[in-house]
Amino acid sequence: QVQLVESGGGLVQAGGSLRLSCAASGRTFSRSAMGWFRQAPGKEREFVASIVWDGGSTDYTDSVKGRFTISRDNAKNTVYLQMNSLKPEDTAVYYCAAERVPYGLGSKTPALYEYWGQGTQVTVSS
């Protein structure tokens, strides 16, 4: 069992930065690939970034490449999403999630993630 709690969201002007954190409880965190997803009003939940269990590989959706960085600290049971050069279209509720299969590859598919946080709102004003 893994419980996830996101924090760090807020209101920021376009071009600004935010750092999201996702604190995890449970013994399996260090073996789980982690993902960040987002959902804007009226839209489906979409993949943002993922990181494998040891941080050795990351993946990003094209729209955030070069602007967002995912990282993790297994000693602190925490995964991060550093978001720079934010745009109004980044406005959404951001969720972190733990992949179901141990030592997974960090899928882009939400259905492959078993545990989800409650989400944190990110609003970027123009």
Foldseek 3Di string as FASTA:
>chain_A
DKAKAKDWADEEAAQAKIKMKIAMDDDQLLQWKKFKWWDDPPGDIWTAKIAFNVRPDMDGDPVQPPFWDWDDDVVRRMIMIIGGRDDQVVWTWMKMFTFDDGRDDTDRDPVRTDYIYPTDTHGYHD
